[in-house]
Amino acid sequence: MITEVTPYVNFNGNAAEALAFYADVLGADVKADMRWRDMPGGDVPPEMADRIMFACLDIGGQYLNLSDVPPQMTVENGTASNIMIEVSSPDALDAVFARLADGGTPTMPPDDMFWGARFAKVTDRFGLHWMLHHDYPATGG
């Protein structure tokens, strides 16, 4: 039985920068930050030593894992996946959107939606696609 699903994203050498950026923008806690040089018994090329082999962010009790790929691999940005986060208020959604859009590409500015929520989409400077969502309280009726 599946007990948890965790997004895992790869980078081409800038995972440490992304880790610091997401921790700051999302108010996340870094739970793991292991570099390729820390791999037991592993010889790594010098250019890989300080890159991230595995990192984990705790974002509101949910996890995002990330790493840099080895030099023989490349990462291409795609549009098949998004990371969706629920935000506590419309103002917080707008603030997170603005920070993620800095150096990135807004694809759907924050707006109130027909389903009773505030919603936005943005591709950040690292090529990750984010969906931001805030449910408005039901008004009854």
C-alpha atoms as a PDB file:
ATOM      1  CA  MET A   1       0.000   0.000   0.000  1.00  0.00           C
ATOM      2  CA  ILE A   2       1.278   3.474  -0.846  1.00  0.00           C
ATOM      3  CA  THR A   3       1.737   5.682   2.196  1.00  0.00           C
ATOM      4  CA  GLU A   4       3.223   8.849   0.701  1.00  0.00           C
ATOM      5  CA  VAL A   5       4.029  10.540  -2.609  1.00  0.00           C
ATOM      6  CA  THR A   6       6.911  13.015  -2.703  1.00  0.00           C
ATOM      7  CA  PRO A   7       7.931  15.136  -5.695  1.00  0.00           C
ATOM      8  CA  TYR A   8      11.620  14.727  -6.592  1.00  0.00           C
ATOM      9  CA  VAL A   9      13.198  17.259  -8.927  1.00  0.00           C
ATOM     10  CA  ASN A  10      16.608  17.251 -10.598  1.00  0.00           C
ATOM     11  CA  PHE A  11      18.893  20.121 -11.551  1.00  0.00           C
ATOM     12  CA  ASN A  12      21.926  20.650 -13.797  1.00  0.00           C
ATOM     13  CA  GLY A  13      24.306  21.907 -11.099  1.00  0.00           C
ATOM     14  CA  ASN A  14      22.232  24.623  -9.421  1.00  0.00           C
ATOM     15  CA  ALA A  15      20.297  22.548  -6.859  1.00  0.00           C
ATOM     16  CA  ALA A  16      22.038  24.312  -3.939  1.00  0.00           C
ATOM     17  CA  GLU A  17      20.861  27.674  -5.247  1.00  0.00           C
ATOM     18  CA  ALA A  18      17.349  26.278  -5.745  1.00  0.00           C
ATOM     19  CA  LEU A  19      17.363  24.746  -2.244  1.00  0.00           C
ATOM     20  CA  ALA A  20      18.213  28.098  -0.642  1.00  0.00           C
ATOM     21  CA  PHE A  21      15.693  29.933  -2.846  1.00  0.00           C
ATOM     22  CA  TYR A  22      12.779  27.610  -2.060  1.00  0.00           C
ATOM     23  CA  ALA A  23      13.618  27.493   1.657  1.00  0.00           C
ATOM     24  CA  ASP A  24      13.472  31.295   1.732  1.00  0.00           C
ATOM     25  CA  VAL A  25      10.481  31.898  -0.555  1.00  0.00           C
ATOM     26  CA  LEU A  26       8.327  29.096   0.831  1.00  0.00           C
ATOM     27  CA  GLY A  27       9.419  29.327   4.462  1.00  0.00           C
ATOM     28  CA  ALA A  28      10.572  25.719   4.223  1.00  0.00           C
ATOM     29  CA  ASP A  29      12.917  23.823   6.529  1.00  0.00           C
ATOM     30  CA  VAL A  30      15.908  22.033   5.009  1.00  0.00           C
ATOM     31  CA  LYS A  31      15.686  18.486   6.370  1.00  0.00           C
ATOM     32  CA  ALA A  32      18.610  17.035   4.390  1.00  0.00           C
ATOM     33  CA  ASP A  33      21.485  18.499   2.383  1.00  0.00           C
ATOM     34  CA  MET A  34      23.931  15.804   1.273  1.00  0.00           C
ATOM     35  CA  ARG A  35      26.624  16.662  -1.254  1.00  0.00           C
ATOM     36  CA  TRP A  36      28.181  14.268  -3.762  1.00  0.00           C
ATOM     37  CA  ARG A  37      31.492  14.485  -1.822  1.00  0.00           C
ATOM     38  CA  ASP A  38      29.670  12.928   1.184  1.00  0.00           C
ATOM     39  CA  MET A  39      28.897   9.677  -0.651  1.00  0.00           C
ATOM     40  CA  PRO A  40      30.608   6.820   1.223  1.00  0.00           C
ATOM     41  CA  GLY A  41      33.360   5.198  -0.789  1.00  0.00           C
ATOM     42  CA  GLY A  42      32.565   7.224  -3.867  1.00  0.00           C
ATOM     43  CA  ASP A  43      35.061   8.998  -6.038  1.00  0.00           C
ATOM     44  CA  VAL A  44      33.367  11.955  -7.628  1.00  0.00           C
ATOM     45  CA  PRO A  45      34.744  14.351 -10.211  1.00  0.00           C
ATOM     46  CA  PRO A  46      35.890  17.626  -8.599  1.00  0.00           C
ATOM     47  CA  GLU A  47      33.133  19.602 -10.356  1.00  0.00           C
ATOM     48  CA  MET A  48      30.534  17.385  -8.641  1.00  0.00           C
ATOM     49  CA  ALA A  49      31.923  17.506  -5.086  1.00  0.00           C
ATOM     50  CA  ASP A  50      29.872  20.491  -3.866  1.00  0.00           C
ATOM     51  CA  ARG A  51      26.747  19.700  -5.855  1.00  0.00           C
ATOM     52  CA  ILE A  52      23.716  18.223  -4.119  1.00  0.00           C
ATOM     53  CA  MET A  53      23.352  14.447  -4.188  1.00  0.00           C
ATOM     54  CA  PHE A  54      20.144  14.595  -2.124  1.00  0.00           C
ATOM     55  CA  ALA A  55      18.260  17.359  -0.358  1.00  0.00           C
ATOM     56  CA  CYS A  56      14.848  17.475   1.246  1.00  0.00           C
ATOM     57  CA  LEU A  57      12.672  20.461   2.064  1.00  0.00           C
ATOM     58  CA  ASP A  58       9.781  20.361   4.519  1.00  0.00           C
ATOM     59  CA  ILE A  59       7.162  22.723   3.090  1.00  0.00           C
ATOM     60  CA  GLY A  60       4.275  22.932   5.522  1.00  0.00           C
ATOM     61  CA  GLY A  61       4.621  19.288   6.526  1.00  0.00           C
ATOM     62  CA  GLN A  62       4.982  18.076   2.937  1.00  0.00           C
ATOM     63  CA  TYR A  63       8.295  17.165   1.340  1.00  0.00           C
ATOM     64  CA  LEU A  64      10.118  18.175  -1.827  1.00  0.00           C
ATOM     65  CA  ASN A  65      13.280  16.228  -2.683  1.00  0.00           C
ATOM     66  CA  LEU A  66      15.925  17.539  -5.053  1.00  0.00           C
ATOM     67  CA  SER A  67      19.376  16.775  -6.425  1.00  0.00           C
ATOM     68  CA  ASP A  68      21.907  17.629  -9.107  1.00  0.00           C
ATOM     69  CA  VAL A  69      22.345  15.016 -11.822  1.00  0.00           C
ATOM     70  CA  PRO A  70      25.817  13.646 -12.602  1.00  0.00           C
ATOM     71  CA  PRO A  71      27.673  15.295 -15.521  1.00  0.00           C
ATOM     72  CA  GLN A  72      26.797  12.496 -17.976  1.00  0.00           C
ATOM     73  CA  MET A  73      23.083  13.254 -17.492  1.00  0.00           C
ATOM     74  CA  THR A  74      21.108  16.364 -18.394  1.00  0.00           C
ATOM     75  CA  VAL A  75      17.825  17.747 -17.205  1.00  0.00           C
ATOM     76  CA  GLU A  76      15.390  19.289 -19.637  1.00  0.00           C
ATOM     77  CA  ASN A  77      12.528  21.423 -18.426  1.00  0.00           C
ATOM     78  CA  GLY A  78       9.163  19.988 -19.323  1.00  0.00           C
ATOM     79  CA  THR A  79       5.552  20.934 -18.934  1.00  0.00           C
ATOM     80  CA  ALA A  80       4.147  17.586 -17.845  1.00  0.00           C
ATOM     81  CA  SER A  81       4.294  18.289 -14.130  1.00  0.00           C
ATOM     82  CA  ASN A  82       3.602  21.055 -11.637  1.00  0.00           C
ATOM     83  CA  ILE A  83       4.143  21.457  -7.941  1.00  0.00           C
ATOM     84  CA  MET A  84       0.906  22.629  -6.356  1.00  0.00           C
ATOM     85  CA  ILE A  85       0.905  24.293  -2.982  1.00  0.00           C
ATOM     86  CA  GLU A  86      -2.029  25.376  -0.875  1.00  0.00           C
ATOM     87  CA  VAL A  87      -1.428  28.872   0.515  1.00  0.00           C
ATOM     88  CA  SER A  88      -2.962  30.185   3.755  1.00  0.00           C
ATOM     89  CA  SER A  89      -4.362  33.493   2.434  1.00  0.00           C
ATOM     90  CA  PRO A  90      -4.852  35.476  -0.787  1.00  0.00           C
ATOM     91  CA  ASP A  91      -2.138  37.939   0.285  1.00  0.00           C
ATOM     92  CA  ALA A  92       0.294  35.099   0.994  1.00  0.00           C
ATOM     93  CA  LEU A  93      -0.483  33.594  -2.422  1.00  0.00           C
ATOM     94  CA  ASP A  94       0.241  36.910  -4.138  1.00  0.00           C
ATOM     95  CA  ALA A  95       3.514  37.289  -2.219  1.00  0.00           C
ATOM     96  CA  VAL A  96       4.736  33.762  -3.029  1.00  0.00           C
ATOM     97  CA  PHE A  97       3.743  34.249  -6.667  1.00  0.00           C
ATOM     98  CA  ALA A  98       5.749  37.495  -6.888  1.00  0.00           C
ATOM     99  CA  ARG A  99       8.837  35.859  -5.394  1.00  0.00           C
ATOM    100  CA  LEU A 100       8.656  32.773  -7.623  1.00  0.00           C
ATOM    101  CA  ALA A 101       8.051  34.965 -10.693  1.00  0.00           C
ATOM    102  CA  ASP A 102      11.189  37.034  -9.992  1.00  0.00           C
ATOM    103  CA  GLY A 103      13.523  35.808 -12.722  1.00  0.00           C
ATOM    104  CA  GLY A 104      10.861  33.362 -13.872  1.00  0.00           C
ATOM    105  CA  THR A 105       7.800  33.453 -16.114  1.00  0.00           C
ATOM    106  CA  PRO A 106       4.299  34.141 -14.810  1.00  0.00           C
ATOM    107  CA  THR A 107       1.937  31.897 -16.757  1.00  0.00           C
ATOM    108  CA  MET A 108      -1.317  32.745 -14.980  1.00  0.00           C
ATOM    109  CA  PRO A 109      -1.344  35.767 -12.648  1.00  0.00           C
ATOM    110  CA  PRO A 110      -3.193  35.431  -9.334  1.00  0.00           C
ATOM    111  CA  ASP A 111      -6.932  35.735  -9.773  1.00  0.00           C
ATOM    112  CA  ASP A 112     -10.158  34.719  -8.066  1.00  0.00           C
ATOM    113  CA  MET A 113     -11.605  31.649  -9.744  1.00  0.00           C
ATOM    114  CA  PHE A 114     -15.128  30.383 -10.335  1.00  0.00           C
ATOM    115  CA  TRP A 115     -14.587  27.423  -7.993  1.00  0.00           C
ATOM    116  CA  GLY A 116     -14.190  29.721  -4.981  1.00  0.00           C
ATOM    117  CA  ALA A 117     -10.435  29.989  -4.775  1.00  0.00           C
ATOM    118  CA  ARG A 118      -7.524  32.266  -5.623  1.00  0.00           C
ATOM    119  CA  PHE A 119      -5.189  30.571  -8.088  1.00  0.00           C
ATOM    120  CA  ALA A 120      -1.994  31.303 -10.000  1.00  0.00           C
ATOM    121  CA  LYS A 121       0.641  29.540 -12.101  1.00  0.00           C
ATOM    122  CA  VAL A 122       4.294  30.450 -12.538  1.00  0.00           C
ATOM    123  CA  THR A 123       7.459  28.879 -13.911  1.00  0.00           C
ATOM    124  CA  ASP A 124      10.362  29.877 -11.679  1.00  0.00           C
ATOM    125  CA  ARG A 125      13.933  30.750 -12.670  1.00  0.00           C
ATOM    126  CA  PHE A 126      14.938  27.082 -12.340  1.00  0.00           C
ATOM    127  CA  GLY A 127      12.247  25.908 -14.766  1.00  0.00           C
ATOM    128  CA  LEU A 128       9.917  24.361 -12.181  1.00  0.00           C
ATOM    129  CA  HIS A 129       6.198  24.860 -12.725  1.00  0.00           C
ATOM    130  CA  TRP A 130       4.195  25.945  -9.681  1.00  0.00           C
ATOM    131  CA  MET A 131       0.458  26.106  -9.100  1.00  0.00           C
ATOM    132  CA  LEU A 132      -0.589  28.235  -6.123  1.00  0.00           C
ATOM    133  CA  HIS A 133      -4.029  27.765  -4.595  1.00  0.00           C
ATOM    134  CA  HIS A 134      -6.030  29.288  -1.756  1.00  0.00           C
ATOM    135  CA  ASP A 135      -9.562  28.059  -1.016  1.00  0.00           C
ATOM    136  CA  TYR A 136     -11.902  30.765   0.146  1.00  0.00           C
ATOM    137  CA  PRO A 137     -14.131  29.711   3.056  1.00  0.00           C
ATOM    138  CA  ALA A 138     -17.574  28.542   2.019  1.00  0.00           C
ATOM    139  CA  THR A 139     -20.168  31.220   2.657  1.00  0.00           C
ATOM    140  CA  GLY A 140     -23.053  28.797   3.077  1.00  0.00           C
ATOM    141  CA  GLY A 141     -26.363  29.228   1.404  1.00  0.00           C
END
